[in-house]
C-alpha cells in the first residue's frame, strides 16, 4: 500500500472524533497521522521489519485506546492514536503485495515481519501492490470524504496525499525499471543502506 493511502487511513480512523469529541479530535488526528506514517521510516533499514510490529502495536493499542477513553488527556489520546495508526498500518501491509521491486510479479513471500511469532507473514495481495488501481481506489474513496469532513491543516494533508498518490500510481511500474539504474550510482559508503531489491 502507498504511504499516502496509509496516511489517509490513519486520518480516517480518527475522523469520527471530529463529531463525537471535537475537543480531542485535533490531537487524535495528528497522532493517527504520525502513527500511520511511522512504520515506513524503516524503508532503507530493514523495511517492514525494523519498525513494523503487526502484533506488538495491536497488543499495545488496545489498552492505550482504553486508557484514552477513560482518561482523555492530550497525552493519552495522542499516544493511543499514534499506536493505533501504527498498528493499522502494520496489519494492512499484510493485505498488500510482497517486498519485491516488482510486486505485481508475486515472487516474494514476505509481507511484514511478525516479531512475536519470529517469522515473515505472507502477503495476501488483496491490494496487489503499492500504487495498484485498488490502492488508488482506496485512497480516493477515503480521501475525498475527508476533504469535506476535515479542516486545515488536515484537509491540506489529505489533498497532498491524493495528489502524490495519483502521480505515484501513474508512475509505479516505470519507477521499478528506473530504481536499479538510479541506485546503481550510489556511492560505495552508502550502498549498504540501499535495499537489495533496488540493486537487482
N, C-alpha and C. Protein backbone atom coordinates (compact mmCIF):
# COMPACT_ATOMS: atom_id res chain seq x y z
N UNK A 1 0.84 -1.18 0.00
CA UNK A 1 0.00 0.00 0.00
C UNK A 1 0.88 1.24 0.00
N UNK A 2 0.46 2.27 -0.74
CA UNK A 2 1.23 3.52 -0.80
C UNK A 2 1.21 4.22 0.55
N UNK A 3 2.28 4.96 0.84
CA UNK A 3 2.31 5.75 2.06
C UNK A 3 1.16 6.76 2.11
N UNK A 4 0.79 7.42 1.00
CA UNK A 4 -0.38 8.30 1.06
C UNK A 4 -1.66 7.58 1.48
N UNK A 5 -1.82 6.32 1.06
CA UNK A 5 -3.00 5.56 1.48
C UNK A 5 -2.96 5.30 2.97
N UNK A 6 -1.79 4.89 3.48
CA UNK A 6 -1.65 4.68 4.92
C UNK A 6 -1.97 5.96 5.70
N UNK A 7 -1.47 7.09 5.22
CA UNK A 7 -1.70 8.36 5.91
C UNK A 7 -3.19 8.70 5.97
N UNK A 8 -3.88 8.52 4.85
CA UNK A 8 -5.31 8.82 4.80
C UNK A 8 -6.10 7.84 5.66
N UNK A 9 -5.70 6.58 5.70
CA UNK A 9 -6.36 5.61 6.58
C UNK A 9 -6.20 6.03 8.03
N UNK A 10 -5.01 6.48 8.40
CA UNK A 10 -4.80 6.97 9.76
C UNK A 10 -5.75 8.11 10.11
N UNK A 11 -5.88 9.06 9.20
CA UNK A 11 -6.81 10.17 9.44
C UNK A 11 -8.26 9.68 9.50
N UNK A 12 -8.60 8.71 8.67
CA UNK A 12 -9.97 8.18 8.67
C UNK A 12 -10.31 7.49 9.99
N UNK A 13 -9.31 6.86 10.62
CA UNK A 13 -9.54 6.21 11.91
C UNK A 13 -9.97 7.23 12.96
N UNK A 14 -9.32 8.37 12.95
CA UNK A 14 -9.60 9.40 13.98
C UNK A 14 -10.71 10.36 13.58
N UNK A 15 -11.12 10.38 12.32
CA UNK A 15 -12.09 11.36 11.83
C UNK A 15 -13.44 11.36 12.57
N UNK A 16 -13.95 10.21 13.02
CA UNK A 16 -15.24 10.27 13.74
C UNK A 16 -15.20 11.17 14.99
N UNK A 17 -14.02 11.37 15.56
CA UNK A 17 -13.91 12.22 16.74
C UNK A 17 -14.19 13.69 16.44
N UNK A 18 -14.12 14.08 15.17
CA UNK A 18 -14.45 15.45 14.79
C UNK A 18 -15.89 15.77 15.20
N UNK A 19 -16.77 14.76 15.11
CA UNK A 19 -18.17 14.93 15.51
C UNK A 19 -18.38 14.50 16.96
N UNK A 20 -17.79 13.35 17.34
CA UNK A 20 -18.07 12.78 18.66
C UNK A 20 -17.36 13.51 19.80
N UNK A 21 -16.13 13.88 19.59
CA UNK A 21 -15.33 14.55 20.63
C UNK A 21 -14.46 15.64 20.00
N UNK A 22 -15.05 16.71 19.50
CA UNK A 22 -14.28 17.72 18.77
C UNK A 22 -13.13 18.33 19.56
N UNK A 23 -13.21 18.32 20.89
CA UNK A 23 -12.15 18.93 21.69
C UNK A 23 -10.84 18.12 21.64
N UNK A 24 -10.94 16.81 21.40
CA UNK A 24 -9.72 15.99 21.32
C UNK A 24 -9.40 15.56 19.89
N UNK A 25 -10.25 15.90 18.95
CA UNK A 25 -10.07 15.46 17.56
C UNK A 25 -8.74 15.89 16.95
N UNK A 26 -8.28 17.15 17.13
CA UNK A 26 -7.01 17.53 16.52
C UNK A 26 -5.82 16.68 17.00
N UNK A 27 -5.79 16.39 18.29
CA UNK A 27 -4.70 15.55 18.83
C UNK A 27 -4.80 14.14 18.28
N UNK A 28 -6.00 13.61 18.23
CA UNK A 28 -6.21 12.26 17.70
C UNK A 28 -5.84 12.18 16.22
N UNK A 29 -6.24 13.18 15.45
CA UNK A 29 -5.91 13.21 14.02
C UNK A 29 -4.40 13.29 13.81
N UNK A 30 -3.75 14.18 14.55
CA UNK A 30 -2.29 14.32 14.42
C UNK A 30 -1.59 13.03 14.83
N UNK A 31 -2.03 12.43 15.93
CA UNK A 31 -1.42 11.19 16.40
C UNK A 31 -1.61 10.04 15.43
N UNK A 32 -2.83 9.89 14.91
CA UNK A 32 -3.11 8.81 13.97
C UNK A 32 -2.33 9.00 12.67
N UNK A 33 -2.17 10.24 12.24
CA UNK A 33 -1.38 10.52 11.04
C UNK A 33 0.08 10.13 11.26
N UNK A 34 0.64 10.56 12.38
CA UNK A 34 2.04 10.21 12.69
C UNK A 34 2.20 8.70 12.79
N UNK A 35 1.29 8.05 13.51
CA UNK A 35 1.38 6.60 13.67
C UNK A 35 1.24 5.84 12.37
N UNK A 36 0.42 6.35 11.46
CA UNK A 36 0.21 5.65 10.20
C UNK A 36 1.39 5.81 9.25
N UNK A 37 2.23 6.80 9.48
CA UNK A 37 3.42 7.02 8.65
C UNK A 37 4.66 6.39 9.29
N UNK A 38 4.71 6.39 10.61
CA UNK A 38 5.88 5.97 11.38
C UNK A 38 6.52 4.64 10.93
N UNK A 39 5.76 3.57 10.73
CA UNK A 39 6.42 2.31 10.37
C UNK A 39 7.23 2.36 9.09
N UNK A 40 6.85 3.20 8.14
CA UNK A 40 7.58 3.25 6.87
C UNK A 40 8.87 4.07 6.94
N UNK A 41 9.21 4.57 8.12
CA UNK A 41 10.52 5.22 8.27
C UNK A 41 11.65 4.19 8.19
N UNK A 42 11.31 2.91 8.17
CA UNK A 42 12.34 1.87 8.03
C UNK A 42 12.59 1.47 6.57
N UNK A 43 12.13 2.29 5.64
CA UNK A 43 12.20 1.95 4.22
C UNK A 43 13.60 1.54 3.78
N UNK A 44 14.63 2.21 4.28
CA UNK A 44 16.00 1.90 3.87
C UNK A 44 16.79 1.19 4.97
N UNK A 45 16.12 0.66 5.96
CA UNK A 45 16.80 -0.06 7.04
C UNK A 45 15.93 -1.22 7.50
N UNK A 46 15.86 -2.27 6.68
CA UNK A 46 15.07 -3.45 7.04
C UNK A 46 13.59 -3.19 6.91
N UNK A 47 13.17 -2.77 5.71
CA UNK A 47 11.77 -2.39 5.51
C UNK A 47 10.80 -3.50 5.89
N UNK A 48 9.74 -3.09 6.54
CA UNK A 48 8.67 -3.94 7.04
C UNK A 48 9.16 -4.93 8.10
N UNK A 49 10.29 -4.62 8.70
CA UNK A 49 10.78 -5.43 9.80
C UNK A 49 11.25 -4.56 10.96
N UNK A 50 12.04 -3.53 10.67
CA UNK A 50 12.65 -2.73 11.73
C UNK A 50 11.62 -1.97 12.55
N UNK A 51 10.69 -1.30 11.92
CA UNK A 51 9.67 -0.51 12.64
C UNK A 51 8.26 -1.06 12.47
N UNK A 52 8.14 -2.22 11.89
CA UNK A 52 6.82 -2.84 11.69
C UNK A 52 6.61 -3.92 12.75
N UNK A 53 5.59 -3.74 13.58
CA UNK A 53 5.25 -4.70 14.63
C UNK A 53 3.76 -4.98 14.57
N UNK A 54 3.32 -5.84 13.64
CA UNK A 54 1.88 -6.04 13.45
C UNK A 54 1.17 -6.56 14.68
N UNK A 55 1.80 -7.44 15.43
CA UNK A 55 1.18 -7.97 16.65
C UNK A 55 1.46 -7.06 17.83
N UNK A 56 2.69 -6.59 17.95
CA UNK A 56 3.08 -5.75 19.08
C UNK A 56 2.29 -4.46 19.17
N UNK A 57 2.19 -3.75 18.06
CA UNK A 57 1.43 -2.49 18.07
C UNK A 57 -0.05 -2.76 18.40
N UNK A 58 -0.60 -3.84 17.87
CA UNK A 58 -2.01 -4.15 18.14
C UNK A 58 -2.23 -4.45 19.62
N UNK A 59 -1.30 -5.18 20.23
CA UNK A 59 -1.42 -5.51 21.66
C UNK A 59 -1.30 -4.27 22.54
N UNK A 60 -0.50 -3.31 22.13
CA UNK A 60 -0.35 -2.06 22.90
C UNK A 60 -1.52 -1.12 22.63
N UNK A 61 -2.06 -1.17 21.41
CA UNK A 61 -3.13 -0.23 21.05
C UNK A 61 -4.39 -0.44 21.88
N UNK A 62 -4.73 -1.68 22.17
CA UNK A 62 -5.98 -1.94 22.91
C UNK A 62 -6.00 -1.27 24.28
N UNK A 63 -5.00 -1.50 25.15
CA UNK A 63 -5.04 -0.78 26.45
C UNK A 63 -4.83 0.72 26.30
N UNK A 64 -4.05 1.15 25.29
CA UNK A 64 -3.82 2.58 25.11
C UNK A 64 -5.11 3.30 24.75
N UNK A 65 -5.90 2.69 23.86
CA UNK A 65 -7.19 3.29 23.49
C UNK A 65 -8.14 3.25 24.69
N UNK A 66 -8.13 2.15 25.43
CA UNK A 66 -8.97 2.05 26.63
C UNK A 66 -8.64 3.14 27.64
N UNK A 67 -7.34 3.38 27.84
CA UNK A 67 -6.92 4.43 28.78
C UNK A 67 -7.35 5.80 28.26
N UNK A 68 -7.21 6.03 26.95
CA UNK A 68 -7.60 7.32 26.37
C UNK A 68 -9.09 7.57 26.49
N UNK A 69 -9.89 6.51 26.41
CA UNK A 69 -11.34 6.66 26.59
C UNK A 69 -11.66 6.98 28.05
N UNK A 70 -10.98 6.29 28.96
CA UNK A 70 -11.24 6.50 30.40
C UNK A 70 -10.71 7.83 30.90
N UNK A 71 -9.50 8.20 30.42
CA UNK A 71 -8.86 9.44 30.86
C UNK A 71 -8.39 10.18 29.61
N UNK A 72 -9.24 11.04 29.10
CA UNK A 72 -8.97 11.73 27.83
C UNK A 72 -8.15 12.99 28.04
N UNK A 73 -6.84 12.81 28.04
CA UNK A 73 -5.93 13.95 28.09
C UNK A 73 -5.22 14.04 26.74
N UNK A 74 -4.54 15.14 26.53
CA UNK A 74 -3.78 15.29 25.29
C UNK A 74 -2.77 14.16 25.13
N UNK A 75 -2.11 13.80 26.21
CA UNK A 75 -1.08 12.76 26.18
C UNK A 75 -1.69 11.39 25.90
N UNK A 76 -2.74 11.01 26.64
CA UNK A 76 -3.31 9.67 26.45
C UNK A 76 -3.94 9.51 25.07
N UNK A 77 -4.63 10.55 24.62
CA UNK A 77 -5.26 10.48 23.29
C UNK A 77 -4.19 10.45 22.21
N UNK A 78 -3.17 11.28 22.33
CA UNK A 78 -2.09 11.31 21.34
C UNK A 78 -1.37 9.99 21.23
N UNK A 79 -1.01 9.41 22.38
CA UNK A 79 -0.30 8.12 22.37
C UNK A 79 -1.18 7.03 21.80
N UNK A 80 -2.43 6.98 22.22
CA UNK A 80 -3.36 5.96 21.71
C UNK A 80 -3.52 6.07 20.19
N UNK A 81 -3.62 7.29 19.70
CA UNK A 81 -3.80 7.50 18.25
C UNK A 81 -2.54 7.09 17.49
N UNK A 82 -1.37 7.42 18.01
CA UNK A 82 -0.12 7.02 17.36
C UNK A 82 -0.01 5.51 17.27
N UNK A 83 -0.25 4.84 18.39
CA UNK A 83 -0.12 3.37 18.42
C UNK A 83 -1.19 2.72 17.54
N UNK A 84 -2.41 3.24 17.58
CA UNK A 84 -3.48 2.68 16.74
C UNK A 84 -3.15 2.87 15.26
N UNK A 85 -2.67 4.05 14.88
CA UNK A 85 -2.29 4.29 13.49
C UNK A 85 -1.19 3.35 13.03
N UNK A 86 -0.18 3.14 13.88
CA UNK A 86 0.92 2.23 13.54
C UNK A 86 0.43 0.79 13.46
N UNK A 87 -0.47 0.41 14.37
CA UNK A 87 -1.00 -0.96 14.36
C UNK A 87 -1.77 -1.24 13.07
N UNK A 88 -2.61 -0.30 12.67
CA UNK A 88 -3.39 -0.49 11.45
C UNK A 88 -2.46 -0.54 10.24
N UNK A 89 -1.47 0.33 10.20
CA UNK A 89 -0.51 0.32 9.09
C UNK A 89 0.14 -1.06 8.96
N UNK A 90 0.68 -1.56 10.06
CA UNK A 90 1.39 -2.85 10.03
C UNK A 90 0.48 -4.01 9.67
N UNK A 91 -0.73 -3.99 10.17
CA UNK A 91 -1.67 -5.07 9.83
C UNK A 91 -2.05 -5.00 8.36
N UNK A 92 -2.27 -3.80 7.85
CA UNK A 92 -2.68 -3.64 6.45
C UNK A 92 -1.58 -4.02 5.47
N UNK A 93 -0.32 -3.90 5.86
CA UNK A 93 0.76 -4.28 4.96
C UNK A 93 0.67 -5.76 4.57
N UNK A 94 0.08 -6.56 5.40
CA UNK A 94 -0.09 -7.97 5.08
C UNK A 94 -1.08 -8.18 3.93
N UNK A 95 -2.00 -7.25 3.74
CA UNK A 95 -3.02 -7.42 2.72
C UNK A 95 -2.57 -6.89 1.35
N UNK A 96 -1.37 -6.35 1.30
CA UNK A 96 -0.81 -5.89 0.04
C UNK A 96 0.13 -6.92 -0.55
N UNK A 97 1.00 -6.44 -1.42
CA UNK A 97 1.97 -7.31 -2.07
C UNK A 97 3.21 -7.51 -1.22
N UNK A 98 4.15 -8.25 -1.78
CA UNK A 98 5.39 -8.54 -1.07
C UNK A 98 6.41 -7.43 -1.22
N UNK A 99 7.63 -7.73 -0.79
CA UNK A 99 8.69 -6.73 -0.75
C UNK A 99 9.51 -6.62 -2.03
N UNK A 100 9.19 -7.37 -3.05
CA UNK A 100 10.00 -7.33 -4.26
C UNK A 100 9.83 -6.00 -5.00
N UNK A 101 10.79 -5.70 -5.87
CA UNK A 101 10.77 -4.46 -6.62
C UNK A 101 9.57 -4.39 -7.56
N UNK A 102 9.18 -5.53 -8.10
CA UNK A 102 8.02 -5.62 -9.00
C UNK A 102 6.97 -6.53 -8.37
N UNK A 103 6.25 -6.02 -7.38
CA UNK A 103 5.33 -6.89 -6.64
C UNK A 103 4.18 -7.45 -7.47
N UNK A 104 3.91 -6.89 -8.63
CA UNK A 104 2.86 -7.43 -9.50
C UNK A 104 3.27 -8.80 -10.04
N UNK A 105 4.56 -9.16 -9.93
CA UNK A 105 5.00 -10.49 -10.36
C UNK A 105 4.72 -11.55 -9.29
N UNK A 106 4.48 -11.13 -8.05
CA UNK A 106 4.11 -12.05 -6.97
C UNK A 106 5.18 -13.06 -6.61
N UNK A 107 6.45 -12.64 -6.58
CA UNK A 107 7.53 -13.58 -6.30
C UNK A 107 7.99 -13.59 -4.84
N UNK A 108 7.56 -12.64 -4.04
CA UNK A 108 8.00 -12.56 -2.65
C UNK A 108 6.97 -13.17 -1.70
N UNK A 109 7.47 -13.88 -0.70
CA UNK A 109 6.58 -14.42 0.33
C UNK A 109 6.69 -13.62 1.62
N UNK A 110 7.25 -12.41 1.53
CA UNK A 110 7.44 -11.56 2.70
C UNK A 110 6.59 -10.30 2.60
N UNK A 111 5.58 -10.23 3.47
CA UNK A 111 4.73 -9.03 3.51
C UNK A 111 5.16 -8.14 4.67
N UNK A 112 5.20 -8.70 5.87
CA UNK A 112 5.59 -7.95 7.06
C UNK A 112 6.13 -8.95 8.08
N UNK A 113 7.15 -8.52 8.82
CA UNK A 113 7.76 -9.41 9.81
C UNK A 113 6.98 -9.33 11.12
N UNK A 114 6.64 -10.47 11.65
CA UNK A 114 5.93 -10.56 12.93
C UNK A 114 6.95 -10.95 14.00
N UNK A 115 7.35 -9.98 14.81
CA UNK A 115 8.36 -10.20 15.84
C UNK A 115 7.89 -11.15 16.93
N UNK A 116 6.60 -11.17 17.20
CA UNK A 116 6.06 -12.05 18.24
C UNK A 116 6.17 -13.51 17.79
N UNK A 117 5.84 -13.77 16.55
CA UNK A 117 5.93 -15.13 16.02
C UNK A 117 7.32 -15.47 15.48
N UNK A 118 8.15 -14.45 15.29
CA UNK A 118 9.51 -14.67 14.81
C UNK A 118 9.59 -15.13 13.36
N UNK A 119 8.68 -14.64 12.53
CA UNK A 119 8.70 -15.04 11.12
C UNK A 119 8.01 -13.99 10.26
N UNK A 120 8.30 -14.08 8.96
CA UNK A 120 7.64 -13.20 7.99
C UNK A 120 6.22 -13.71 7.74
N UNK A 121 5.29 -12.79 7.66
CA UNK A 121 3.92 -13.13 7.28
C UNK A 121 3.80 -13.01 5.77
N UNK A 122 3.09 -13.92 5.16
CA UNK A 122 2.93 -13.94 3.70
C UNK A 122 1.97 -12.84 3.24
N UNK A 123 2.22 -12.26 2.06
CA UNK A 123 1.29 -11.25 1.53
C UNK A 123 -0.01 -11.90 1.05
N UNK A 124 -1.12 -11.25 1.33
CA UNK A 124 -2.42 -11.75 0.87
C UNK A 124 -2.77 -11.20 -0.51
N UNK A 125 -2.16 -10.07 -0.87
CA UNK A 125 -2.33 -9.45 -2.18
C UNK A 125 -3.77 -9.04 -2.51
N UNK A 126 -4.54 -8.65 -1.49
CA UNK A 126 -5.86 -8.09 -1.76
C UNK A 126 -5.69 -6.78 -2.53
N UNK A 127 -4.69 -6.03 -2.13
CA UNK A 127 -4.22 -4.90 -2.92
C UNK A 127 -2.91 -5.41 -3.51
N UNK A 128 -2.89 -5.64 -4.81
CA UNK A 128 -1.80 -6.39 -5.43
C UNK A 128 -0.42 -5.81 -5.15
N UNK A 129 -0.32 -4.49 -5.16
CA UNK A 129 0.96 -3.83 -4.90
C UNK A 129 0.70 -2.36 -4.64
N UNK A 130 1.70 -1.68 -4.07
CA UNK A 130 1.56 -0.26 -3.80
C UNK A 130 1.46 0.49 -5.12
N UNK A 131 0.44 1.28 -5.26
CA UNK A 131 0.20 2.01 -6.49
C UNK A 131 -0.72 1.30 -7.47
N UNK A 132 -1.20 0.12 -7.11
CA UNK A 132 -2.15 -0.60 -7.98
C UNK A 132 -3.48 0.17 -8.02
N UNK A 133 -4.30 -0.18 -8.98
CA UNK A 133 -5.59 0.51 -9.14
C UNK A 133 -6.43 0.44 -7.87
N UNK A 134 -6.43 -0.72 -7.21
CA UNK A 134 -7.24 -0.86 -6.00
C UNK A 134 -6.67 -0.05 -4.84
N UNK A 135 -5.36 0.17 -4.83
CA UNK A 135 -4.73 1.03 -3.83
C UNK A 135 -5.18 2.47 -4.05
N UNK A 136 -5.14 2.90 -5.29
CA UNK A 136 -5.59 4.25 -5.62
C UNK A 136 -7.08 4.43 -5.33
N UNK A 137 -7.87 3.41 -5.62
CA UNK A 137 -9.31 3.47 -5.34
C UNK A 137 -9.57 3.63 -3.84
N UNK A 138 -8.82 2.89 -3.02
CA UNK A 138 -8.97 3.02 -1.57
C UNK A 138 -8.58 4.42 -1.11
N UNK A 139 -7.46 4.93 -1.63
CA UNK A 139 -7.02 6.28 -1.28
C UNK A 139 -8.08 7.32 -1.62
N UNK A 140 -8.61 7.25 -2.82
CA UNK A 140 -9.59 8.24 -3.26
C UNK A 140 -10.91 8.09 -2.51
N UNK A 141 -11.35 6.85 -2.28
CA UNK A 141 -12.64 6.64 -1.60
C UNK A 141 -12.61 7.10 -0.15
N UNK A 142 -11.45 7.09 0.48
CA UNK A 142 -11.34 7.62 1.85
C UNK A 142 -10.97 9.10 1.84
N UNK A 143 -10.13 9.49 0.89
CA UNK A 143 -9.61 10.85 0.87
C UNK A 143 -10.64 11.91 0.51
N UNK A 144 -11.48 11.63 -0.46
CA UNK A 144 -12.46 12.64 -0.90
C UNK A 144 -13.43 13.00 0.24
N UNK A 145 -14.02 12.03 0.94
CA UNK A 145 -14.88 12.43 2.08
C UNK A 145 -14.12 13.19 3.17
N UNK A 146 -12.84 12.84 3.37
CA UNK A 146 -12.05 13.55 4.39
C UNK A 146 -11.80 15.00 3.99
N UNK A 147 -11.72 15.27 2.70
CA UNK A 147 -11.57 16.67 2.25
C UNK A 147 -12.74 17.52 2.70
N UNK A 148 -13.91 16.89 2.78
CA UNK A 148 -15.12 17.60 3.21
C UNK A 148 -15.21 17.65 4.73
N UNK A 149 -14.85 16.54 5.38
CA UNK A 149 -15.07 16.41 6.83
C UNK A 149 -14.03 17.13 7.68
N UNK A 150 -12.81 17.25 7.18
CA UNK A 150 -11.73 17.81 7.99
C UNK A 150 -11.45 19.27 7.66
N UNK A 151 -10.91 19.96 8.63
CA UNK A 151 -10.46 21.34 8.44
C UNK A 151 -8.95 21.34 8.22
N UNK A 152 -8.42 22.51 7.85
CA UNK A 152 -6.98 22.66 7.74
C UNK A 152 -6.36 22.51 9.13
N UNK A 153 -5.18 21.97 9.27
CA UNK A 153 -4.23 21.59 8.23
C UNK A 153 -4.44 20.16 7.70
N UNK A 154 -5.37 19.41 8.30
CA UNK A 154 -5.56 18.01 7.90
C UNK A 154 -6.14 17.90 6.49
N UNK A 155 -6.97 18.86 6.11
CA UNK A 155 -7.50 18.86 4.75
C UNK A 155 -6.37 19.01 3.73
N UNK A 156 -5.39 19.85 4.06
CA UNK A 156 -4.23 20.03 3.17
C UNK A 156 -3.43 18.74 3.07
N UNK A 157 -3.25 18.04 4.20
CA UNK A 157 -2.54 16.76 4.19
C UNK A 157 -3.24 15.77 3.27
N UNK A 158 -4.56 15.72 3.36
CA UNK A 158 -5.33 14.80 2.51
C UNK A 158 -5.18 15.18 1.04
N UNK A 159 -5.24 16.47 0.73
CA UNK A 159 -5.10 16.92 -0.66
C UNK A 159 -3.72 16.56 -1.22
N UNK A 160 -2.69 16.75 -0.41
CA UNK A 160 -1.33 16.38 -0.84
C UNK A 160 -1.22 14.87 -1.03
N UNK A 161 -1.80 14.11 -0.10
CA UNK A 161 -1.77 12.65 -0.21
C UNK A 161 -2.47 12.19 -1.49
N UNK A 162 -3.60 12.78 -1.80
CA UNK A 162 -4.31 12.43 -3.04
C UNK A 162 -3.46 12.75 -4.28
N UNK A 163 -2.86 13.93 -4.30
CA UNK A 163 -2.04 14.33 -5.44
C UNK A 163 -0.84 13.41 -5.61
N UNK A 164 -0.13 13.14 -4.51
CA UNK A 164 1.05 12.27 -4.56
C UNK A 164 0.63 10.86 -4.96
N UNK A 165 -0.46 10.37 -4.41
CA UNK A 165 -0.93 9.02 -4.71
C UNK A 165 -1.30 8.84 -6.17
N UNK A 166 -1.97 9.83 -6.75
CA UNK A 166 -2.35 9.75 -8.17
C UNK A 166 -1.11 9.71 -9.05
N UNK A 167 -0.14 10.58 -8.77
CA UNK A 167 1.09 10.61 -9.56
C UNK A 167 1.87 9.31 -9.38
N UNK A 168 2.02 8.87 -8.13
CA UNK A 168 2.77 7.64 -7.87
C UNK A 168 2.12 6.43 -8.56
N UNK A 169 0.81 6.31 -8.46
CA UNK A 169 0.12 5.19 -9.09
C UNK A 169 0.33 5.21 -10.61
N UNK A 170 0.35 6.40 -11.20
CA UNK A 170 0.58 6.51 -12.63
C UNK A 170 2.00 6.13 -13.06
N UNK A 171 2.96 6.34 -12.15
CA UNK A 171 4.37 6.08 -12.48
C UNK A 171 4.92 4.78 -11.90
N UNK A 172 4.14 4.07 -11.09
CA UNK A 172 4.66 2.96 -10.29
C UNK A 172 5.47 1.95 -11.09
N UNK A 173 4.96 1.47 -12.19
CA UNK A 173 5.67 0.44 -12.95
C UNK A 173 6.95 0.99 -13.59
N UNK A 174 6.92 2.24 -14.01
CA UNK A 174 8.13 2.85 -14.58
C UNK A 174 9.20 3.02 -13.51
N UNK A 175 8.79 3.34 -12.29
CA UNK A 175 9.76 3.52 -11.20
C UNK A 175 10.52 2.23 -10.91
N UNK A 176 9.87 1.09 -11.07
CA UNK A 176 10.54 -0.19 -10.83
C UNK A 176 11.67 -0.41 -11.83
N UNK A 177 11.51 0.06 -13.05
CA UNK A 177 12.57 -0.05 -14.05
C UNK A 177 13.67 0.95 -13.79
N UNK A 178 13.30 2.11 -13.31
CA UNK A 178 14.24 3.20 -13.07
C UNK A 178 15.10 3.00 -11.82
N UNK A 179 14.55 2.36 -10.79
CA UNK A 179 15.23 2.24 -9.50
C UNK A 179 16.62 1.63 -9.59
N UNK A 180 16.81 0.47 -10.24
CA UNK A 180 18.16 -0.09 -10.30
C UNK A 180 19.17 0.81 -11.02
N UNK A 181 18.69 1.58 -11.99
CA UNK A 181 19.58 2.50 -12.71
C UNK A 181 20.00 3.63 -11.78
N UNK A 182 19.03 4.25 -11.12
CA UNK A 182 19.32 5.37 -10.22
C UNK A 182 20.20 4.93 -9.05
N UNK A 183 19.83 3.83 -8.40
CA UNK A 183 20.59 3.38 -7.24
C UNK A 183 21.92 2.74 -7.64
N UNK A 184 22.11 2.49 -8.92
CA UNK A 184 23.40 1.99 -9.40
C UNK A 184 24.51 3.01 -9.24
N UNK A 185 24.14 4.28 -9.09
CA UNK A 185 25.12 5.35 -8.91
C UNK A 185 25.36 5.70 -7.44
N UNK A 186 24.87 4.88 -6.55
CA UNK A 186 25.05 5.14 -5.12
C UNK A 186 26.52 4.99 -4.75
N UNK A 187 27.09 5.95 -4.02
CA UNK A 187 28.49 5.81 -3.57
C UNK A 187 28.66 4.56 -2.70
N UNK A 188 29.84 3.97 -2.76
CA UNK A 188 30.12 2.72 -2.04
C UNK A 188 29.81 2.82 -0.55
N UNK A 189 30.12 3.95 0.06
CA UNK A 189 29.92 4.09 1.51
C UNK A 189 28.44 4.09 1.90
N UNK A 190 27.55 4.38 0.94
CA UNK A 190 26.10 4.41 1.21
C UNK A 190 25.38 3.18 0.69
N UNK A 191 26.07 2.33 -0.05
CA UNK A 191 25.42 1.21 -0.72
C UNK A 191 24.75 0.25 0.25
N UNK A 192 25.30 0.11 1.46
CA UNK A 192 24.69 -0.81 2.42
C UNK A 192 23.30 -0.35 2.88
N UNK A 193 22.98 0.92 2.64
CA UNK A 193 21.67 1.45 3.02
C UNK A 193 20.63 1.28 1.92
N UNK A 194 21.06 0.86 0.74
CA UNK A 194 20.14 0.67 -0.38
C UNK A 194 19.57 -0.74 -0.33
N UNK A 195 18.26 -0.89 -0.27
CA UNK A 195 17.66 -2.24 -0.22
C UNK A 195 18.10 -3.09 -1.41
N UNK A 196 18.29 -4.36 -1.16
CA UNK A 196 18.76 -5.29 -2.19
C UNK A 196 17.87 -5.26 -3.42
N UNK A 197 16.56 -5.12 -3.23
CA UNK A 197 15.65 -5.15 -4.37
C UNK A 197 15.89 -3.99 -5.34
N UNK A 198 16.48 -2.88 -4.87
CA UNK A 198 16.75 -1.74 -5.74
C UNK A 198 18.07 -1.90 -6.52
N UNK A 199 18.86 -2.89 -6.14
CA UNK A 199 20.14 -3.09 -6.81
C UNK A 199 20.07 -4.14 -7.89
N UNK A 200 18.99 -4.91 -7.96
CA UNK A 200 18.93 -6.00 -8.92
C UNK A 200 18.42 -5.55 -10.26
